[in-house]
Amino acid sequence: MSMLSNKVAIVTGAASGFGAEISRLYVKEGAKVVVADLNEEGAKKIAAELGGSAIAVKCDVSRRADIENLVAAAVKQFGTVDIVVNNAGYTHRNGSMLTVEEAQFDRCFDVNVKAIYLMAQSVVPLMRQKKSGCIINVGSVSGMRPRPGLVWYAASKAAANLVSKAMAVELAPDGIRVNAICPVMSATGMIEDFMGMANTPENQAKFLGGIPMGRLAKPIDIAKAALYLASDLADFITGVELPVDGGRSV
């Protein structure tokens, strides 16, 4: 039997990278998925790839109206929401903490933290009615063990990591589980911002020394963690910061 049979999931930032791979694996394992992204064309492409088990919704996760529309679309199409993966993320470019513009700082916290708040406002009441639900927030290993150059991004991800634990404690009596996945750097769309330099094999090598398993994260690594946490195999796991990082956080 598939691990997510008859489950309905919302995945944000799902037009590419981690979110696209999570959506693919969720559908493969029996879920219906709402593919949400600010990039509407990209979201539609992923949803089309996944067929009748997916729909695409354009969504700026930092806007309350967009989040409310997203949740309403999920309920209208599939009847409920069982799983939410708050995956959409934003980073400023790697560099001195003093060179980050205020607008970039605000966007980091809007997308990486406020979006979790807005999603909770919309989806937790639905989950409380059912006395069940699963929320997965994609934090970051940088929110656990920060390094120079991504100070404000790391701060926003530390908030995402902590809010996952705080939500888990508050929502446990309602049967709602909340966990954080904490990836190490991956060769996705934001990699040049994370590195602060061109994405070349030589430049990547500079970062691999800090990862004991010697490679960057792959989207499938994150997707498999998201599948486990959303499945009944993890039905007694909540409030966890799960590093998917090849040992980087040790």
C-alpha atoms as a PDB file:
ATOM      1  CA  MET A   1       0.000   0.000   0.000  1.00  0.00           C
ATOM      2  CA  SER A   2       1.260   3.489  -0.819  1.00  0.00           C
ATOM      3  CA  MET A   3       2.490   5.542   2.116  1.00  0.00           C
ATOM      4  CA  LEU A   4       0.207   8.546   1.520  1.00  0.00           C
ATOM      5  CA  SER A   5      -2.920   6.937   0.076  1.00  0.00           C
ATOM      6  CA  ASN A   6      -5.969   9.236   0.226  1.00  0.00           C
ATOM      7  CA  LYS A   7      -3.941  12.108   1.705  1.00  0.00           C
ATOM      8  CA  VAL A   8      -4.144  15.681   0.420  1.00  0.00           C
ATOM      9  CA  ALA A   9      -0.994  17.801   0.573  1.00  0.00           C
ATOM     10  CA  ILE A  10      -0.126  21.429  -0.079  1.00  0.00           C
ATOM     11  CA  VAL A  11       3.514  21.983  -1.075  1.00  0.00           C
ATOM     12  CA  THR A  12       4.763  25.563  -1.418  1.00  0.00           C
ATOM     13  CA  GLY A  13       7.720  26.557  -3.558  1.00  0.00           C
ATOM     14  CA  ALA A  14       6.839  23.503  -5.617  1.00  0.00           C
ATOM     15  CA  ALA A  15       7.688  24.676  -9.143  1.00  0.00           C
ATOM     16  CA  SER A  16      11.303  23.540  -8.775  1.00  0.00           C
ATOM     17  CA  GLY A  17      13.943  22.141  -6.449  1.00  0.00           C
ATOM     18  CA  PHE A  18      12.886  20.518  -3.183  1.00  0.00           C
ATOM     19  CA  GLY A  19       9.211  21.349  -3.610  1.00  0.00           C
ATOM     20  CA  ALA A  20       8.918  19.813  -7.066  1.00  0.00           C
ATOM     21  CA  GLU A  21      10.614  16.607  -5.923  1.00  0.00           C
ATOM     22  CA  ILE A  22       8.450  16.409  -2.790  1.00  0.00           C
ATOM     23  CA  SER A  23       5.362  16.800  -4.977  1.00  0.00           C
ATOM     24  CA  ARG A  24       6.511  14.033  -7.306  1.00  0.00           C
ATOM     25  CA  LEU A  25       7.230  11.611  -4.486  1.00  0.00           C
ATOM     26  CA  TYR A  26       3.983  12.405  -2.672  1.00  0.00           C
ATOM     27  CA  VAL A  27       1.934  11.692  -5.812  1.00  0.00           C
ATOM     28  CA  LYS A  28       3.919   8.496  -6.412  1.00  0.00           C
ATOM     29  CA  GLU A  29       2.972   7.435  -2.897  1.00  0.00           C
ATOM     30  CA  GLY A  30      -0.733   8.057  -3.412  1.00  0.00           C
ATOM     31  CA  ALA A  31      -1.305  11.667  -2.346  1.00  0.00           C
ATOM     32  CA  LYS A  32      -3.212  14.415  -4.059  1.00  0.00           C
ATOM     33  CA  VAL A  33      -0.971  17.507  -4.212  1.00  0.00           C
ATOM     34  CA  VAL A  34      -1.573  21.219  -4.574  1.00  0.00           C
ATOM     35  CA  VAL A  35       1.542  22.574  -6.291  1.00  0.00           C
ATOM     36  CA  ALA A  36       1.912  26.149  -5.048  1.00  0.00           C
ATOM     37  CA  ASP A  37       4.453  28.670  -6.277  1.00  0.00           C
ATOM     38  CA  LEU A  38       4.868  32.343  -7.148  1.00  0.00           C
ATOM     39  CA  ASN A  39       6.078  31.020 -10.504  1.00  0.00           C
ATOM     40  CA  GLU A  40       2.670  30.050 -11.881  1.00  0.00           C
ATOM     41  CA  GLU A  41       4.009  28.715 -15.180  1.00  0.00           C
ATOM     42  CA  GLY A  42       6.475  26.451 -13.368  1.00  0.00           C
ATOM     43  CA  ALA A  43       3.793  25.222 -10.981  1.00  0.00           C
ATOM     44  CA  LYS A  44       1.480  24.390 -13.877  1.00  0.00           C
ATOM     45  CA  LYS A  45       4.275  22.462 -15.567  1.00  0.00           C
ATOM     46  CA  ILE A  46       4.849  20.295 -12.489  1.00  0.00           C
ATOM     47  CA  ALA A  47       1.105  19.768 -11.980  1.00  0.00           C
ATOM     48  CA  ALA A  48       0.702  18.744 -15.629  1.00  0.00           C
ATOM     49  CA  GLU A  49       3.544  16.259 -15.203  1.00  0.00           C
ATOM     50  CA  LEU A  50       1.751  14.754 -12.212  1.00  0.00           C
ATOM     51  CA  GLY A  51      -1.615  14.457 -13.948  1.00  0.00           C
ATOM     52  CA  GLY A  52      -5.003  14.307 -12.241  1.00  0.00           C
ATOM     53  CA  SER A  53      -3.479  13.941  -8.781  1.00  0.00           C
ATOM     54  CA  ALA A  54      -2.231  17.538  -8.769  1.00  0.00           C
ATOM     55  CA  ILE A  55      -3.362  21.105  -9.359  1.00  0.00           C
ATOM     56  CA  ALA A  56      -1.291  24.280  -9.574  1.00  0.00           C
ATOM     57  CA  VAL A  57      -2.031  27.456  -7.629  1.00  0.00           C
ATOM     58  CA  LYS A  58      -0.121  30.719  -7.918  1.00  0.00           C
ATOM     59  CA  CYS A  59       0.815  31.863  -4.435  1.00  0.00           C
ATOM     60  CA  ASP A  60       2.995  34.471  -2.772  1.00  0.00           C
ATOM     61  CA  VAL A  61       3.356  32.809   0.621  1.00  0.00           C
ATOM     62  CA  SER A  62       3.962  36.149   2.333  1.00  0.00           C
ATOM     63  CA  ARG A  63       0.442  37.381   1.436  1.00  0.00           C
ATOM     64  CA  ARG A  64      -2.513  36.371   3.587  1.00  0.00           C
ATOM     65  CA  ALA A  65      -4.989  36.524   0.679  1.00  0.00           C
ATOM     66  CA  ASP A  66      -2.814  34.214  -1.402  1.00  0.00           C
ATOM     67  CA  ILE A  67      -2.523  31.661   1.403  1.00  0.00           C
ATOM     68  CA  GLU A  68      -6.260  31.736   2.070  1.00  0.00           C
ATOM     69  CA  ASN A  69      -6.921  31.239  -1.643  1.00  0.00           C
ATOM     70  CA  LEU A  70      -4.446  28.347  -1.710  1.00  0.00           C
ATOM     71  CA  VAL A  71      -6.100  26.492   1.161  1.00  0.00           C
ATOM     72  CA  ALA A  72      -9.558  27.147  -0.288  1.00  0.00           C
ATOM     73  CA  ALA A  73      -8.439  25.769  -3.657  1.00  0.00           C
ATOM     74  CA  ALA A  74      -7.139  22.601  -1.987  1.00  0.00           C
ATOM     75  CA  VAL A  75     -10.419  22.053  -0.165  1.00  0.00           C
ATOM     76  CA  LYS A  76     -12.489  22.802  -3.270  1.00  0.00           C
ATOM     77  CA  GLN A  77     -10.510  20.403  -5.466  1.00  0.00           C
ATOM     78  CA  PHE A  78      -9.673  17.585  -3.064  1.00  0.00           C
ATOM     79  CA  GLY A  79     -12.007  18.071  -0.082  1.00  0.00           C
ATOM     80  CA  THR A  80      -9.557  18.618   2.739  1.00  0.00           C
ATOM     81  CA  VAL A  81      -5.910  19.290   3.694  1.00  0.00           C
ATOM     82  CA  ASP A  82      -3.984  16.566   5.535  1.00  0.00           C
ATOM     83  CA  ILE A  83      -0.385  17.675   4.956  1.00  0.00           C
ATOM     84  CA  VAL A  84       1.290  21.050   4.469  1.00  0.00           C
ATOM     85  CA  VAL A  85       4.914  21.424   3.452  1.00  0.00           C
ATOM     86  CA  ASN A  86       6.060  25.010   3.947  1.00  0.00           C
ATOM     87  CA  ASN A  87       8.968  24.738   1.545  1.00  0.00           C
ATOM     88  CA  ALA A  88       9.060  28.122  -0.213  1.00  0.00           C
ATOM     89  CA  GLY A  89      12.229  29.945   0.757  1.00  0.00           C
ATOM     90  CA  TYR A  90      14.243  33.089   0.100  1.00  0.00           C
ATOM     91  CA  THR A  91      17.825  34.102   0.827  1.00  0.00           C
ATOM     92  CA  HIS A  92      19.991  37.162   0.511  1.00  0.00           C
ATOM     93  CA  ARG A  93      23.350  36.721  -1.205  1.00  0.00           C
ATOM     94  CA  ASN A  94      26.225  35.363   0.851  1.00  0.00           C
ATOM     95  CA  GLY A  95      28.293  38.285   2.101  1.00  0.00           C
ATOM     96  CA  SER A  96      28.834  40.714   4.942  1.00  0.00           C
ATOM     97  CA  MET A  97      25.862  41.092   7.261  1.00  0.00           C
ATOM     98  CA  LEU A  98      26.091  44.858   6.798  1.00  0.00           C
ATOM     99  CA  THR A  99      25.627  44.728   3.027  1.00  0.00           C
ATOM    100  CA  VAL A 100      22.196  43.081   3.125  1.00  0.00           C
ATOM    101  CA  GLU A 101      19.528  45.590   2.148  1.00  0.00           C
ATOM    102  CA  GLU A 102      16.509  46.085   4.370  1.00  0.00           C
ATOM    103  CA  ALA A 103      14.157  44.854   1.643  1.00  0.00           C
ATOM    104  CA  GLN A 104      16.143  41.600   1.422  1.00  0.00           C
ATOM    105  CA  PHE A 105      16.052  41.209   5.190  1.00  0.00           C
ATOM    106  CA  ASP A 106      12.284  41.728   5.204  1.00  0.00           C
ATOM    107  CA  ARG A 107      11.775  39.270   2.344  1.00  0.00           C
ATOM    108  CA  CYS A 108      13.787  36.597   4.184  1.00  0.00           C
ATOM    109  CA  PHE A 109      11.532  36.832   7.201  1.00  0.00           C
ATOM    110  CA  ASP A 110       8.336  37.242   5.160  1.00  0.00           C
ATOM    111  CA  VAL A 111       8.942  34.091   3.100  1.00  0.00           C
ATOM    112  CA  ASN A 112      10.806  31.961   5.637  1.00  0.00           C
ATOM    113  CA  VAL A 113       8.858  32.833   8.815  1.00  0.00           C
ATOM    114  CA  LYS A 114       5.714  34.905   8.259  1.00  0.00           C
ATOM    115  CA  ALA A 115       4.527  32.398   5.651  1.00  0.00           C
ATOM    116  CA  ILE A 116       4.415  29.697   8.341  1.00  0.00           C
ATOM    117  CA  TYR A 117       2.281  31.984  10.517  1.00  0.00           C
ATOM    118  CA  LEU A 118      -0.105  32.756   7.668  1.00  0.00           C
ATOM    119  CA  MET A 119      -0.408  29.102   6.673  1.00  0.00           C
ATOM    120  CA  ALA A 120      -1.128  28.108  10.272  1.00  0.00           C
ATOM    121  CA  GLN A 121      -3.870  30.726  10.471  1.00  0.00           C
ATOM    122  CA  SER A 122      -5.595  29.168   7.464  1.00  0.00           C
ATOM    123  CA  VAL A 123      -4.957  25.451   7.821  1.00  0.00           C
ATOM    124  CA  VAL A 124      -4.829  24.693  11.549  1.00  0.00           C
ATOM    125  CA  PRO A 125      -8.587  25.285  12.064  1.00  0.00           C
ATOM    126  CA  LEU A 126      -9.303  22.686   9.363  1.00  0.00           C
ATOM    127  CA  MET A 127      -6.917  20.198  10.926  1.00  0.00           C
ATOM    128  CA  ARG A 128      -8.345  20.824  14.399  1.00  0.00           C
ATOM    129  CA  GLN A 129     -11.802  19.894  13.146  1.00  0.00           C
ATOM    130  CA  LYS A 130     -10.436  16.544  11.976  1.00  0.00           C
ATOM    131  CA  LYS A 131      -8.173  16.058  15.002  1.00  0.00           C
ATOM    132  CA  SER A 132      -5.348  15.185  12.615  1.00  0.00           C
ATOM    133  CA  GLY A 133      -2.796  16.839  10.376  1.00  0.00           C
ATOM    134  CA  CYS A 134       0.863  17.129   9.529  1.00  0.00           C
ATOM    135  CA  ILE A 135       2.845  20.327   8.983  1.00  0.00           C
ATOM    136  CA  ILE A 136       6.424  20.177   7.747  1.00  0.00           C
ATOM    137  CA  ASN A 137       8.503  23.346   7.690  1.00  0.00           C
ATOM    138  CA  VAL A 138      11.668  23.369   5.605  1.00  0.00           C
ATOM    139  CA  GLY A 139      14.166  25.092   7.843  1.00  0.00           C
ATOM    140  CA  SER A 140      17.914  24.839   7.340  1.00  0.00           C
ATOM    141  CA  VAL A 141      21.036  23.432   8.908  1.00  0.00           C
ATOM    142  CA  SER A 142      22.210  27.067   8.956  1.00  0.00           C
ATOM    143  CA  GLY A 143      19.511  27.706  11.554  1.00  0.00           C
ATOM    144  CA  MET A 144      21.216  25.122  13.767  1.00  0.00           C
ATOM    145  CA  ARG A 145      24.912  25.771  13.078  1.00  0.00           C
ATOM    146  CA  PRO A 146      25.326  29.111  11.283  1.00  0.00           C
ATOM    147  CA  ARG A 147      28.378  30.239   9.356  1.00  0.00           C
ATOM    148  CA  PRO A 148      29.524  33.738   8.314  1.00  0.00           C
ATOM    149  CA  GLY A 149      27.934  35.262   5.237  1.00  0.00           C
ATOM    150  CA  LEU A 150      24.292  34.257   5.650  1.00  0.00           C
ATOM    151  CA  VAL A 151      23.576  35.875   9.012  1.00  0.00           C
ATOM    152  CA  TRP A 152      20.036  37.131   8.382  1.00  0.00           C
ATOM    153  CA  TYR A 153      18.998  34.091   6.339  1.00  0.00           C
ATOM    154  CA  ALA A 154      20.265  31.829   9.123  1.00  0.00           C
ATOM    155  CA  ALA A 155      18.307  33.872  11.665  1.00  0.00           C
ATOM    156  CA  SER A 156      15.104  33.425   9.678  1.00  0.00           C
ATOM    157  CA  LYS A 157      15.677  29.698   9.388  1.00  0.00           C
ATOM    158  CA  ALA A 158      16.453  29.424  13.105  1.00  0.00           C
ATOM    159  CA  ALA A 159      13.043  31.012  13.660  1.00  0.00           C
ATOM    160  CA  ALA A 160      11.461  28.471  11.302  1.00  0.00           C
ATOM    161  CA  ASN A 161      13.162  25.638  13.157  1.00  0.00           C
ATOM    162  CA  LEU A 162      12.063  26.906  16.572  1.00  0.00           C
ATOM    163  CA  VAL A 163       8.512  27.752  15.563  1.00  0.00           C
ATOM    164  CA  SER A 164       8.155  24.163  14.367  1.00  0.00           C
ATOM    165  CA  LYS A 165       8.941  22.908  17.859  1.00  0.00           C
ATOM    166  CA  ALA A 166       6.698  25.466  19.552  1.00  0.00           C
ATOM    167  CA  MET A 167       3.804  24.669  17.201  1.00  0.00           C
ATOM    168  CA  ALA A 168       4.323  20.958  17.813  1.00  0.00           C
ATOM    169  CA  VAL A 169       3.836  21.350  21.551  1.00  0.00           C
ATOM    170  CA  GLU A 170       0.769  23.577  21.228  1.00  0.00           C
ATOM    171  CA  LEU A 171      -0.941  21.496  18.538  1.00  0.00           C
ATOM    172  CA  ALA A 172      -0.167  18.010  19.850  1.00  0.00           C
ATOM    173  CA  PRO A 173      -3.461  17.765  21.807  1.00  0.00           C
ATOM    174  CA  ASP A 174      -5.263  18.383  18.495  1.00  0.00           C
ATOM    175  CA  GLY A 175      -3.571  15.438  16.812  1.00  0.00           C
ATOM    176  CA  ILE A 176      -1.502  17.751  14.600  1.00  0.00           C
ATOM    177  CA  ARG A 177       2.180  16.952  14.156  1.00  0.00           C
ATOM    178  CA  VAL A 178       4.727  19.637  13.241  1.00  0.00           C
ATOM    179  CA  ASN A 179       8.327  18.982  12.275  1.00  0.00           C
ATOM    180  CA  ALA A 180      11.199  20.790  10.562  1.00  0.00           C
ATOM    181  CA  ILE A 181      13.506  19.446   7.873  1.00  0.00           C
ATOM    182  CA  CYS A 182      16.925  21.113   7.953  1.00  0.00           C
ATOM    183  CA  PRO A 183      18.782  20.663   4.658  1.00  0.00           C
ATOM    184  CA  VAL A 184      22.376  21.483   3.905  1.00  0.00           C
ATOM    185  CA  MET A 185      23.131  23.455   0.745  1.00  0.00           C
ATOM    186  CA  SER A 186      21.787  21.967  -2.469  1.00  0.00           C
ATOM    187  CA  ALA A 187      22.404  22.612  -6.152  1.00  0.00           C
ATOM    188  CA  THR A 188      19.001  24.270  -6.592  1.00  0.00           C
ATOM    189  CA  GLY A 189      18.025  27.715  -7.837  1.00  0.00           C
ATOM    190  CA  MET A 190      19.453  29.657  -4.881  1.00  0.00           C
ATOM    191  CA  ILE A 191      22.885  28.008  -4.767  1.00  0.00           C
ATOM    192  CA  GLU A 192      24.824  30.997  -6.143  1.00  0.00           C
ATOM    193  CA  ASP A 193      23.246  33.239  -3.505  1.00  0.00           C
ATOM    194  CA  PHE A 194      24.118  30.713  -0.800  1.00  0.00           C
ATOM    195  CA  MET A 195      27.726  30.531  -1.985  1.00  0.00           C
ATOM    196  CA  GLY A 196      28.094  34.208  -2.886  1.00  0.00           C
ATOM    197  CA  MET A 197      29.981  33.192  -6.015  1.00  0.00           C
ATOM    198  CA  ALA A 198      29.525  31.444  -9.347  1.00  0.00           C
ATOM    199  CA  ASN A 199      28.230  27.871  -9.233  1.00  0.00           C
ATOM    200  CA  THR A 200      31.294  26.052 -10.546  1.00  0.00           C
ATOM    201  CA  PRO A 201      32.723  22.688  -9.459  1.00  0.00           C
ATOM    202  CA  GLU A 202      35.734  24.527  -8.035  1.00  0.00           C
ATOM    203  CA  ASN A 203      33.584  26.846  -5.938  1.00  0.00           C
ATOM    204  CA  GLN A 204      31.306  24.023  -4.794  1.00  0.00           C
ATOM    205  CA  ALA A 205      34.373  22.152  -3.606  1.00  0.00           C
ATOM    206  CA  LYS A 206      35.083  24.956  -1.133  1.00  0.00           C
ATOM    207  CA  PHE A 207      31.855  24.107   0.687  1.00  0.00           C
ATOM    208  CA  LEU A 208      32.070  20.318   0.554  1.00  0.00           C
ATOM    209  CA  GLY A 209      34.853  20.175   3.136  1.00  0.00           C
ATOM    210  CA  GLY A 210      32.319  20.979   5.845  1.00  0.00           C
ATOM    211  CA  ILE A 211      30.006  18.124   4.848  1.00  0.00           C
ATOM    212  CA  PRO A 212      31.372  14.801   6.151  1.00  0.00           C
ATOM    213  CA  MET A 213      29.567  12.754   3.481  1.00  0.00           C
ATOM    214  CA  GLY A 214      31.227  14.899   0.832  1.00  0.00           C
ATOM    215  CA  ARG A 215      28.355  16.095  -1.334  1.00  0.00           C
ATOM    216  CA  LEU A 216      25.550  18.634  -1.454  1.00  0.00           C
ATOM    217  CA  ALA A 217      21.963  17.709  -0.675  1.00  0.00           C
ATOM    218  CA  LYS A 218      19.840  16.455  -3.552  1.00  0.00           C
ATOM    219  CA  PRO A 219      16.131  17.276  -3.852  1.00  0.00           C
ATOM    220  CA  ILE A 220      15.314  13.580  -3.492  1.00  0.00           C
ATOM    221  CA  ASP A 221      17.086  13.539  -0.110  1.00  0.00           C
ATOM    222  CA  ILE A 222      14.695  16.193   1.169  1.00  0.00           C
ATOM    223  CA  ALA A 223      11.698  14.565  -0.504  1.00  0.00           C
ATOM    224  CA  LYS A 224      12.354  11.228   1.202  1.00  0.00           C
ATOM    225  CA  ALA A 225      12.561  12.940   4.599  1.00  0.00           C
ATOM    226  CA  ALA A 226       9.307  14.794   3.847  1.00  0.00           C
ATOM    227  CA  LEU A 227       7.651  11.512   2.852  1.00  0.00           C
ATOM    228  CA  TYR A 228       8.685   9.819   6.066  1.00  0.00           C
ATOM    229  CA  LEU A 229       7.550  12.691   8.290  1.00  0.00           C
ATOM    230  CA  ALA A 230       4.175  12.910   6.535  1.00  0.00           C
ATOM    231  CA  SER A 231       3.535   9.163   6.697  1.00  0.00           C
ATOM    232  CA  ASP A 232       2.067   6.997   9.429  1.00  0.00           C
ATOM    233  CA  LEU A 233       5.584   5.663  10.052  1.00  0.00           C
ATOM    234  CA  ALA A 234       6.183   8.959  11.874  1.00  0.00           C
ATOM    235  CA  ASP A 235       2.856   9.111  13.714  1.00  0.00           C
ATOM    236  CA  PHE A 236       4.560   9.585  17.111  1.00  0.00           C
ATOM    237  CA  ILE A 237       7.187  12.042  15.873  1.00  0.00           C
ATOM    238  CA  THR A 238       6.596  15.746  16.399  1.00  0.00           C
ATOM    239  CA  GLY A 239       8.722  18.772  17.264  1.00  0.00           C
ATOM    240  CA  VAL A 240      11.822  17.381  15.540  1.00  0.00           C
ATOM    241  CA  GLU A 241      14.506  19.369  13.717  1.00  0.00           C
ATOM    242  CA  LEU A 242      15.655  16.725  11.233  1.00  0.00           C
ATOM    243  CA  PRO A 243      19.021  17.533   9.635  1.00  0.00           C
ATOM    244  CA  VAL A 244      19.326  16.186   6.095  1.00  0.00           C
ATOM    245  CA  ASP A 245      22.879  17.302   5.728  1.00  0.00           C
ATOM    246  CA  GLY A 246      25.404  14.484   5.366  1.00  0.00           C
ATOM    247  CA  GLY A 247      26.706  15.236   8.857  1.00  0.00           C
ATOM    248  CA  ARG A 248      27.237  18.998   8.417  1.00  0.00           C
ATOM    249  CA  SER A 249      25.467  19.853  11.695  1.00  0.00           C
ATOM    250  CA  VAL A 250      27.488  17.449  13.867  1.00  0.00           C
END
